[in-house]
Amino acid sequence: MDNQIAQLQQIVWSYYRENKRLMPWREHIDPYWVVVTEIMLQQTQVPRVMTKFPEFLKQFPDFATLASASLPQLLGAWQGMGYNRRAKYLQQIAEKIVHEHNGILPQDPELLEKLPGIGPATARSIIVYSYNLPLVFIETNIRRIFIHHFFSNAETVHDRDIYPLVEKSLDTSNPREWYYALMDYGTYLGKTVPNPNRKSKHYTKQSSFQGSKRKIRGEILRMLLQYNTLSEAEILQHYEGDEIRAKEVLMDLIKEQFIKQKDNSYTINHES
């Protein structure tokens, strides 16, 4: 096993030396930048984040600015990223860091896990990239690498089987750079081999965006950002034959405090 780990390390570092991806949040290490990009990257491809990140940063350069933004400002800056809950999570994270941690990102993963939208893996990735601490986490690219190299003959692989291998391979002297290398090599494998993650116990195929509630949510929020106030009839005219789902989305957005209803009209919730 030690030989296999050493061989993997050599493969990953060799690939990374020749194919390192340049990203602004890698060139300039800042905990705020790390938090923003890790939340953005949860469900968005790197090229899209590369485009959106500098625009978002220009409008919200630090935790304090983001914490004090209005919901219309926040959603306007997030347009095109999808999964608008992430924008609200990001602002709530900023608020808690400003008000509960004096504006300083904690180095304790258990504290980060208490913040909205942050699970165990994201908490540890944020700390690794912010502070270069040797913590172990597993995400899509890491699963892909370890299943491909260590479980090629397995039918189902659980993260508990992968975890000790990730831990054993970790470069504790420079964990941040090692994870950068894993991300880049994992992305390469994703383009060159049949998807090993289909063997993962944790694999779920993303549902189609076209015609989904997720698509309707984004469309309704864009319309309200553009026109400020719209009646239910004005919104539903865009969803002929799908009015029931559109109404369900409106109710969901109200419950989540994205929008407000007054009489028969809807607006973005400025008080959120």
C-alpha atoms as a PDB file:
ATOM      1  CA  MET A   1       0.000   0.000   0.000  1.00  0.00           C
ATOM      2  CA  ASP A   2       2.844   2.395   0.811  1.00  0.00           C
ATOM      3  CA  ASN A   3       4.225   1.854  -2.684  1.00  0.00           C
ATOM      4  CA  GLN A   4       0.822   2.596  -4.213  1.00  0.00           C
ATOM      5  CA  ILE A   5       0.529   5.802  -2.164  1.00  0.00           C
ATOM      6  CA  ALA A   6       4.008   6.900  -3.195  1.00  0.00           C
ATOM      7  CA  GLN A   7       3.208   6.138  -6.835  1.00  0.00           C
ATOM      8  CA  LEU A   8       0.001   8.184  -6.646  1.00  0.00           C
ATOM      9  CA  GLN A   9       1.849  11.115  -5.087  1.00  0.00           C
ATOM     10  CA  GLN A  10       4.381  11.018  -7.897  1.00  0.00           C
ATOM     11  CA  ILE A  11       1.651  10.919 -10.561  1.00  0.00           C
ATOM     12  CA  VAL A  12      -0.305  13.789  -9.013  1.00  0.00           C
ATOM     13  CA  TRP A  13       2.692  16.058  -8.415  1.00  0.00           C
ATOM     14  CA  SER A  14       4.064  15.333 -11.883  1.00  0.00           C
ATOM     15  CA  TYR A  15       0.773  16.233 -13.527  1.00  0.00           C
ATOM     16  CA  TYR A  16       0.432  19.364 -11.414  1.00  0.00           C
ATOM     17  CA  ARG A  17       3.918  20.635 -12.220  1.00  0.00           C
ATOM     18  CA  GLU A  18       3.141  20.475 -15.930  1.00  0.00           C
ATOM     19  CA  ASN A  19      -0.529  21.525 -15.859  1.00  0.00           C
ATOM     20  CA  LYS A  20      -1.070  23.781 -12.845  1.00  0.00           C
ATOM     21  CA  ARG A  21      -4.209  25.889 -13.261  1.00  0.00           C
ATOM     22  CA  LEU A  22      -3.826  29.572 -12.461  1.00  0.00           C
ATOM     23  CA  MET A  23      -6.652  30.981 -10.366  1.00  0.00           C
ATOM     24  CA  PRO A  24      -6.773  34.330  -8.554  1.00  0.00           C
ATOM     25  CA  TRP A  25      -7.709  32.752  -5.225  1.00  0.00           C
ATOM     26  CA  ARG A  26      -4.651  30.521  -5.441  1.00  0.00           C
ATOM     27  CA  GLU A  27      -2.285  33.369  -6.266  1.00  0.00           C
ATOM     28  CA  HIS A  28      -3.548  35.596  -3.436  1.00  0.00           C
ATOM     29  CA  ILE A  29      -4.358  33.723  -0.236  1.00  0.00           C
ATOM     30  CA  ASP A  30      -7.107  35.468   1.694  1.00  0.00           C
ATOM     31  CA  PRO A  31      -9.641  33.683   3.958  1.00  0.00           C
ATOM     32  CA  TYR A  32     -12.506  35.782   2.583  1.00  0.00           C
ATOM     33  CA  TRP A  33     -11.553  34.889  -0.991  1.00  0.00           C
ATOM     34  CA  VAL A  34     -11.382  31.226   0.012  1.00  0.00           C
ATOM     35  CA  VAL A  35     -14.830  31.246   1.618  1.00  0.00           C
ATOM     36  CA  VAL A  36     -16.417  32.961  -1.398  1.00  0.00           C
ATOM     37  CA  THR A  37     -14.849  30.610  -3.930  1.00  0.00           C
ATOM     38  CA  GLU A  38     -15.520  27.435  -1.942  1.00  0.00           C
ATOM     39  CA  ILE A  39     -19.224  28.301  -1.715  1.00  0.00           C
ATOM     40  CA  MET A  40     -19.301  29.309  -5.388  1.00  0.00           C
ATOM     41  CA  LEU A  41     -17.552  26.112  -6.455  1.00  0.00           C
ATOM     42  CA  GLN A  42     -19.961  23.814  -4.607  1.00  0.00           C
ATOM     43  CA  GLN A  43     -22.257  23.568  -7.628  1.00  0.00           C
ATOM     44  CA  THR A  44     -20.611  25.647 -10.343  1.00  0.00           C
ATOM     45  CA  GLN A  45     -17.787  24.820 -12.740  1.00  0.00           C
ATOM     46  CA  VAL A  46     -14.419  26.580 -12.345  1.00  0.00           C
ATOM     47  CA  PRO A  47     -14.591  28.591 -15.625  1.00  0.00           C
ATOM     48  CA  ARG A  48     -17.883  30.204 -14.575  1.00  0.00           C
ATOM     49  CA  VAL A  49     -16.509  31.027 -11.118  1.00  0.00           C
ATOM     50  CA  MET A  50     -13.357  32.477 -12.709  1.00  0.00           C
ATOM     51  CA  THR A  51     -15.595  34.941 -14.558  1.00  0.00           C
ATOM     52  CA  LYS A  52     -17.968  35.732 -11.700  1.00  0.00           C
ATOM     53  CA  PHE A  53     -15.508  35.894  -8.804  1.00  0.00           C
ATOM     54  CA  PRO A  54     -13.770  39.192  -9.707  1.00  0.00           C
ATOM     55  CA  GLU A  55     -17.145  40.848 -10.374  1.00  0.00           C
ATOM     56  CA  PHE A  56     -18.468  39.665  -7.004  1.00  0.00           C
ATOM     57  CA  LEU A  57     -15.281  40.699  -5.220  1.00  0.00           C
ATOM     58  CA  LYS A  58     -15.405  44.184  -6.720  1.00  0.00           C
ATOM     59  CA  GLN A  59     -18.862  44.719  -5.250  1.00  0.00           C
ATOM     60  CA  PHE A  60     -18.226  42.885  -1.962  1.00  0.00           C
ATOM     61  CA  PRO A  61     -14.479  43.033  -1.173  1.00  0.00           C
ATOM     62  CA  ASP A  62     -14.640  41.679   2.387  1.00  0.00           C
ATOM     63  CA  PHE A  63     -16.806  39.997   5.003  1.00  0.00           C
ATOM     64  CA  ALA A  64     -18.099  43.309   6.399  1.00  0.00           C
ATOM     65  CA  THR A  65     -19.254  44.630   3.022  1.00  0.00           C
ATOM     66  CA  LEU A  66     -20.972  41.365   2.167  1.00  0.00           C
ATOM     67  CA  ALA A  67     -22.632  41.168   5.580  1.00  0.00           C
ATOM     68  CA  SER A  68     -24.220  44.613   5.136  1.00  0.00           C
ATOM     69  CA  ALA A  69     -25.463  44.118   1.544  1.00  0.00           C
ATOM     70  CA  SER A  70     -29.167  44.192   0.717  1.00  0.00           C
ATOM     71  CA  LEU A  71     -30.793  41.097  -0.751  1.00  0.00           C
ATOM     72  CA  PRO A  72     -31.374  42.771  -4.171  1.00  0.00           C
ATOM     73  CA  GLN A  73     -27.683  43.764  -4.285  1.00  0.00           C
ATOM     74  CA  LEU A  74     -26.653  40.243  -3.338  1.00  0.00           C
ATOM     75  CA  LEU A  75     -28.924  38.473  -5.831  1.00  0.00           C
ATOM     76  CA  GLY A  76     -27.997  40.934  -8.563  1.00  0.00           C
ATOM     77  CA  ALA A  77     -24.312  40.139  -8.067  1.00  0.00           C
ATOM     78  CA  TRP A  78     -25.069  36.396  -7.961  1.00  0.00           C
ATOM     79  CA  GLN A  79     -27.025  36.313 -11.232  1.00  0.00           C
ATOM     80  CA  GLY A  80     -25.841  33.552 -13.556  1.00  0.00           C
ATOM     81  CA  MET A  81     -24.466  31.351 -10.765  1.00  0.00           C
ATOM     82  CA  GLY A  82     -27.672  29.456  -9.949  1.00  0.00           C
ATOM     83  CA  TYR A  83     -28.615  27.891  -6.591  1.00  0.00           C
ATOM     84  CA  ASN A  84     -29.402  31.290  -5.057  1.00  0.00           C
ATOM     85  CA  ARG A  85     -29.540  29.775  -1.572  1.00  0.00           C
ATOM     86  CA  ARG A  86     -25.742  29.771  -1.721  1.00  0.00           C
ATOM     87  CA  ALA A  87     -25.742  33.568  -1.987  1.00  0.00           C
ATOM     88  CA  LYS A  88     -27.835  33.829   1.170  1.00  0.00           C
ATOM     89  CA  TYR A  89     -25.651  31.266   2.936  1.00  0.00           C
ATOM     90  CA  LEU A  90     -22.580  33.258   1.955  1.00  0.00           C
ATOM     91  CA  GLN A  91     -24.016  36.456   3.397  1.00  0.00           C
ATOM     92  CA  GLN A  92     -25.107  34.689   6.590  1.00  0.00           C
ATOM     93  CA  ILE A  93     -21.586  33.259   6.928  1.00  0.00           C
ATOM     94  CA  ALA A  94     -20.167  36.785   6.554  1.00  0.00           C
ATOM     95  CA  GLU A  95     -22.586  38.141   9.169  1.00  0.00           C
ATOM     96  CA  LYS A  96     -21.593  35.500  11.713  1.00  0.00           C
ATOM     97  CA  ILE A  97     -17.859  35.929  11.076  1.00  0.00           C
ATOM     98  CA  VAL A  98     -18.188  39.699  11.507  1.00  0.00           C
ATOM     99  CA  HIS A  99     -20.428  39.641  14.572  1.00  0.00           C
ATOM    100  CA  GLU A 100     -19.353  36.451  16.348  1.00  0.00           C
ATOM    101  CA  HIS A 101     -15.681  36.079  15.353  1.00  0.00           C
ATOM    102  CA  ASN A 102     -14.510  39.701  15.077  1.00  0.00           C
ATOM    103  CA  GLY A 103     -14.203  39.401  11.318  1.00  0.00           C
ATOM    104  CA  ILE A 104     -11.618  36.605  11.521  1.00  0.00           C
ATOM    105  CA  LEU A 105     -12.279  33.221   9.935  1.00  0.00           C
ATOM    106  CA  PRO A 106     -12.006  30.484  12.609  1.00  0.00           C
ATOM    107  CA  GLN A 107      -9.408  27.741  12.204  1.00  0.00           C
ATOM    108  CA  ASP A 108     -11.568  25.175  14.002  1.00  0.00           C
ATOM    109  CA  PRO A 109     -13.621  23.056  11.552  1.00  0.00           C
ATOM    110  CA  GLU A 110     -16.292  22.419  14.194  1.00  0.00           C
ATOM    111  CA  LEU A 111     -16.910  26.169  14.426  1.00  0.00           C
ATOM    112  CA  LEU A 112     -17.144  26.457  10.657  1.00  0.00           C
ATOM    113  CA  GLU A 113     -19.624  23.584  10.476  1.00  0.00           C
ATOM    114  CA  LYS A 114     -22.009  25.672  12.582  1.00  0.00           C
ATOM    115  CA  LEU A 115     -22.158  28.294   9.813  1.00  0.00           C
ATOM    116  CA  PRO A 116     -24.935  28.140   7.182  1.00  0.00           C
ATOM    117  CA  GLY A 117     -24.252  26.037   4.098  1.00  0.00           C
ATOM    118  CA  ILE A 118     -20.979  24.585   5.405  1.00  0.00           C
ATOM    119  CA  GLY A 119     -20.627  20.846   5.968  1.00  0.00           C
ATOM    120  CA  PRO A 120     -17.621  18.865   7.229  1.00  0.00           C
ATOM    121  CA  ALA A 121     -15.799  18.684   3.881  1.00  0.00           C
ATOM    122  CA  THR A 122     -16.303  22.356   3.033  1.00  0.00           C
ATOM    123  CA  ALA A 123     -15.234  23.418   6.538  1.00  0.00           C
ATOM    124  CA  ARG A 124     -11.966  21.524   6.209  1.00  0.00           C
ATOM    125  CA  SER A 125     -11.283  22.647   2.653  1.00  0.00           C
ATOM    126  CA  ILE A 126     -11.755  26.289   3.703  1.00  0.00           C
ATOM    127  CA  ILE A 127      -9.275  25.875   6.571  1.00  0.00           C
ATOM    128  CA  VAL A 128      -6.731  24.027   4.419  1.00  0.00           C
ATOM    129  CA  TYR A 129      -6.800  26.675   1.700  1.00  0.00           C
ATOM    130  CA  SER A 130      -6.893  29.610   4.139  1.00  0.00           C
ATOM    131  CA  TYR A 131      -4.336  28.477   6.702  1.00  0.00           C
ATOM    132  CA  ASN A 132      -2.439  25.578   5.087  1.00  0.00           C
ATOM    133  CA  LEU A 133      -3.370  23.212   7.922  1.00  0.00           C
ATOM    134  CA  PRO A 134      -3.202  19.430   7.259  1.00  0.00           C
ATOM    135  CA  LEU A 135      -6.859  18.421   7.479  1.00  0.00           C
ATOM    136  CA  VAL A 136      -8.451  15.568   5.541  1.00  0.00           C
ATOM    137  CA  PHE A 137     -11.524  16.054   3.382  1.00  0.00           C
ATOM    138  CA  ILE A 138     -13.167  14.271   0.468  1.00  0.00           C
ATOM    139  CA  GLU A 139     -14.993  15.832  -2.456  1.00  0.00           C
ATOM    140  CA  THR A 140     -15.822  14.870  -6.041  1.00  0.00           C
ATOM    141  CA  ASN A 141     -12.340  15.145  -7.572  1.00  0.00           C
ATOM    142  CA  ILE A 142     -10.711  13.375  -4.653  1.00  0.00           C
ATOM    143  CA  ARG A 143     -13.214  10.508  -4.837  1.00  0.00           C
ATOM    144  CA  ARG A 144     -12.558  10.213  -8.557  1.00  0.00           C
ATOM    145  CA  ILE A 145      -8.791   9.909  -8.072  1.00  0.00           C
ATOM    146  CA  PHE A 146      -8.825   7.363  -5.259  1.00  0.00           C
ATOM    147  CA  ILE A 147     -11.550   5.182  -6.746  1.00  0.00           C
ATOM    148  CA  HIS A 148      -9.708   5.178 -10.094  1.00  0.00           C
ATOM    149  CA  HIS A 149      -6.327   4.252  -8.584  1.00  0.00           C
ATOM    150  CA  PHE A 150      -7.296   2.036  -5.633  1.00  0.00           C
ATOM    151  CA  PHE A 151     -10.770   0.598  -6.263  1.00  0.00           C
ATOM    152  CA  SER A 152     -10.863  -0.154  -9.993  1.00  0.00           C
ATOM    153  CA  ASN A 153     -12.311  -3.634  -9.364  1.00  0.00           C
ATOM    154  CA  ALA A 154     -14.807  -2.613  -6.674  1.00  0.00           C
ATOM    155  CA  GLU A 155     -18.516  -2.261  -7.357  1.00  0.00           C
ATOM    156  CA  THR A 156     -19.394   0.128  -4.508  1.00  0.00           C
ATOM    157  CA  VAL A 157     -17.000   2.369  -2.590  1.00  0.00           C
ATOM    158  CA  HIS A 158     -17.823   4.229   0.629  1.00  0.00           C
ATOM    159  CA  ASP A 159     -16.017   7.391   1.737  1.00  0.00           C
ATOM    160  CA  ARG A 160     -14.902   5.554   4.878  1.00  0.00           C
ATOM    161  CA  ASP A 161     -12.819   3.314   2.578  1.00  0.00           C
ATOM    162  CA  ILE A 162     -11.272   6.313   0.825  1.00  0.00           C
ATOM    163  CA  TYR A 163     -10.611   8.460   3.903  1.00  0.00           C
ATOM    164  CA  PRO A 164      -7.546   6.579   5.290  1.00  0.00           C
ATOM    165  CA  LEU A 165      -5.934   6.660   1.848  1.00  0.00           C
ATOM    166  CA  VAL A 166      -6.462  10.408   1.526  1.00  0.00           C
ATOM    167  CA  GLU A 167      -5.034  10.804   5.024  1.00  0.00           C
ATOM    168  CA  LYS A 168      -2.012   8.644   4.266  1.00  0.00           C
ATOM    169  CA  SER A 169      -1.226  10.457   1.006  1.00  0.00           C
ATOM    170  CA  LEU A 170      -1.578  13.966   2.487  1.00  0.00           C
ATOM    171  CA  ASP A 171       1.507  16.162   2.193  1.00  0.00           C
ATOM    172  CA  THR A 172       1.484  17.555   5.730  1.00  0.00           C
ATOM    173  CA  SER A 173       4.278  20.023   4.933  1.00  0.00           C
ATOM    174  CA  ASN A 174       2.213  21.764   2.257  1.00  0.00           C
ATOM    175  CA  PRO A 175      -1.379  20.469   2.341  1.00  0.00           C
ATOM    176  CA  ARG A 176      -2.777  23.489   0.467  1.00  0.00           C
ATOM    177  CA  GLU A 177      -0.613  22.842  -2.593  1.00  0.00           C
ATOM    178  CA  TRP A 178      -1.275  19.100  -2.411  1.00  0.00           C
ATOM    179  CA  TYR A 179      -5.018  19.663  -2.553  1.00  0.00           C
ATOM    180  CA  TYR A 180      -4.554  22.088  -5.455  1.00  0.00           C
ATOM    181  CA  ALA A 181      -2.702  19.283  -7.224  1.00  0.00           C
ATOM    182  CA  LEU A 182      -5.446  16.778  -6.416  1.00  0.00           C
ATOM    183  CA  MET A 183      -8.119  19.146  -7.757  1.00  0.00           C
ATOM    184  CA  ASP A 184      -6.279  19.657 -11.019  1.00  0.00           C
ATOM    185  CA  TYR A 185      -5.463  15.990 -11.523  1.00  0.00           C
ATOM    186  CA  GLY A 186      -9.022  14.981 -10.590  1.00  0.00           C
ATOM    187  CA  THR A 187     -10.398  17.422 -13.148  1.00  0.00           C
ATOM    188  CA  TYR A 188      -8.090  15.883 -15.767  1.00  0.00           C
ATOM    189  CA  LEU A 189      -9.323  12.367 -14.934  1.00  0.00           C
ATOM    190  CA  GLY A 190     -12.895  13.608 -15.224  1.00  0.00           C
ATOM    191  CA  LYS A 191     -12.223  14.432 -18.872  1.00  0.00           C
ATOM    192  CA  THR A 192     -10.203  11.347 -19.772  1.00  0.00           C
ATOM    193  CA  VAL A 193     -11.633   8.255 -18.029  1.00  0.00           C
ATOM    194  CA  PRO A 194     -15.155   6.842 -17.553  1.00  0.00           C
ATOM    195  CA  ASN A 195     -16.562   8.390 -14.391  1.00  0.00           C
ATOM    196  CA  PRO A 196     -15.184   6.398 -11.401  1.00  0.00           C
ATOM    197  CA  ASN A 197     -17.556   8.263  -9.078  1.00  0.00           C
ATOM    198  CA  ARG A 198     -20.441   6.115 -10.317  1.00  0.00           C
ATOM    199  CA  LYS A 199     -19.006   3.472  -7.989  1.00  0.00           C
ATOM    200  CA  SER A 200     -19.237   5.808  -5.007  1.00  0.00           C
ATOM    201  CA  LYS A 201     -21.879   5.072  -2.371  1.00  0.00           C
ATOM    202  CA  HIS A 202     -22.403   8.841  -2.287  1.00  0.00           C
ATOM    203  CA  TYR A 203     -22.903   9.333  -6.027  1.00  0.00           C
ATOM    204  CA  THR A 204     -26.045  11.132  -7.145  1.00  0.00           C
ATOM    205  CA  LYS A 205     -26.704  12.217 -10.692  1.00  0.00           C
ATOM    206  CA  GLN A 206     -27.730  15.844 -10.952  1.00  0.00           C
ATOM    207  CA  SER A 207     -31.266  16.289 -12.205  1.00  0.00           C
ATOM    208  CA  SER A 208     -31.877  18.072 -15.496  1.00  0.00           C
ATOM    209  CA  PHE A 209     -31.942  21.858 -15.210  1.00  0.00           C
ATOM    210  CA  GLN A 210     -34.254  22.367 -18.185  1.00  0.00           C
ATOM    211  CA  GLY A 211     -37.864  22.490 -17.003  1.00  0.00           C
ATOM    212  CA  SER A 212     -36.887  22.083 -13.348  1.00  0.00           C
ATOM    213  CA  LYS A 213     -38.086  24.038 -10.331  1.00  0.00           C
ATOM    214  CA  ARG A 214     -34.529  25.281 -10.026  1.00  0.00           C
ATOM    215  CA  LYS A 215     -34.822  26.917 -13.444  1.00  0.00           C
ATOM    216  CA  ILE A 216     -38.175  28.490 -12.536  1.00  0.00           C
ATOM    217  CA  ARG A 217     -36.708  29.868  -9.277  1.00  0.00           C
ATOM    218  CA  GLY A 218     -33.900  31.582 -11.128  1.00  0.00           C
ATOM    219  CA  GLU A 219     -36.228  33.008 -13.750  1.00  0.00           C
ATOM    220  CA  ILE A 220     -38.670  34.436 -11.202  1.00  0.00           C
ATOM    221  CA  LEU A 221     -35.893  36.073  -9.201  1.00  0.00           C
ATOM    222  CA  ARG A 222     -34.407  37.599 -12.373  1.00  0.00           C
ATOM    223  CA  MET A 223     -37.812  38.997 -13.372  1.00  0.00           C
ATOM    224  CA  LEU A 224     -38.363  40.549  -9.948  1.00  0.00           C
ATOM    225  CA  LEU A 225     -34.870  42.047  -9.902  1.00  0.00           C
ATOM    226  CA  GLN A 226     -35.578  43.603 -13.304  1.00  0.00           C
ATOM    227  CA  TYR A 227     -39.140  44.845 -12.755  1.00  0.00           C
ATOM    228  CA  ASN A 228     -39.184  45.269  -8.944  1.00  0.00           C
ATOM    229  CA  THR A 229     -42.873  44.317  -8.599  1.00  0.00           C
ATOM    230  CA  LEU A 230     -44.909  41.806 -10.587  1.00  0.00           C
ATOM    231  CA  SER A 231     -48.391  40.423 -10.141  1.00  0.00           C
ATOM    232  CA  GLU A 232     -49.002  36.703  -9.947  1.00  0.00           C
ATOM    233  CA  ALA A 233     -50.678  36.835 -13.362  1.00  0.00           C
ATOM    234  CA  GLU A 234     -47.638  38.559 -14.897  1.00  0.00           C
ATOM    235  CA  ILE A 235     -45.368  35.852 -13.537  1.00  0.00           C
ATOM    236  CA  LEU A 236     -47.579  32.900 -14.396  1.00  0.00           C
ATOM    237  CA  GLN A 237     -48.033  33.982 -18.014  1.00  0.00           C
ATOM    238  CA  HIS A 238     -44.481  32.719 -18.566  1.00  0.00           C
ATOM    239  CA  TYR A 239     -45.470  29.246 -17.337  1.00  0.00           C
ATOM    240  CA  GLU A 240     -48.530  28.285 -19.325  1.00  0.00           C
ATOM    241  CA  GLY A 241     -49.240  24.636 -18.609  1.00  0.00           C
ATOM    242  CA  ASP A 242     -46.875  24.691 -15.639  1.00  0.00           C
ATOM    243  CA  GLU A 243     -48.689  27.161 -13.380  1.00  0.00           C
ATOM    244  CA  ILE A 244     -48.919  24.765 -10.441  1.00  0.00           C
ATOM    245  CA  ARG A 245     -45.156  24.343 -10.183  1.00  0.00           C
ATOM    246  CA  ALA A 246     -44.617  28.074 -10.656  1.00  0.00           C
ATOM    247  CA  LYS A 247     -47.004  28.775  -7.766  1.00  0.00           C
ATOM    248  CA  GLU A 248     -45.145  26.209  -5.642  1.00  0.00           C
ATOM    249  CA  VAL A 249     -41.880  28.005  -6.412  1.00  0.00           C
ATOM    250  CA  LEU A 250     -43.425  31.344  -5.402  1.00  0.00           C
ATOM    251  CA  MET A 251     -44.497  29.843  -2.071  1.00  0.00           C
ATOM    252  CA  ASP A 252     -41.033  28.345  -1.546  1.00  0.00           C
ATOM    253  CA  LEU A 253     -39.365  31.706  -2.238  1.00  0.00           C
ATOM    254  CA  ILE A 254     -41.673  33.391   0.277  1.00  0.00           C
ATOM    255  CA  LYS A 255     -40.917  30.760   2.953  1.00  0.00           C
ATOM    256  CA  GLU A 256     -37.191  31.184   2.348  1.00  0.00           C
ATOM    257  CA  GLN A 257     -37.586  34.989   2.594  1.00  0.00           C
ATOM    258  CA  PHE A 258     -36.288  35.672  -0.902  1.00  0.00           C
ATOM    259  CA  ILE A 259     -39.501  37.453  -1.880  1.00  0.00           C
ATOM    260  CA  LYS A 260     -42.537  39.098  -0.248  1.00  0.00           C
ATOM    261  CA  GLN A 261     -46.179  38.982  -1.253  1.00  0.00           C
ATOM    262  CA  LYS A 262     -48.526  41.927  -0.811  1.00  0.00           C
ATOM    263  CA  ASP A 263     -52.065  41.478  -2.057  1.00  0.00           C
ATOM    264  CA  ASN A 264     -51.503  39.734  -5.376  1.00  0.00           C
ATOM    265  CA  SER A 265     -48.040  41.130  -6.155  1.00  0.00           C
ATOM    266  CA  TYR A 266     -44.500  39.981  -5.432  1.00  0.00           C
ATOM    267  CA  THR A 267     -41.228  41.845  -4.752  1.00  0.00           C
ATOM    268  CA  ILE A 268     -37.713  40.928  -3.634  1.00  0.00           C
ATOM    269  CA  ASN A 269     -37.567  40.952   0.166  1.00  0.00           C
ATOM    270  CA  HIS A 270     -35.494  44.057   0.982  1.00  0.00           C
ATOM    271  CA  GLU A 271     -35.657  43.270   4.689  1.00  0.00           C
ATOM    272  CA  SER A 272     -34.034  39.861   4.420  1.00  0.00           C
END
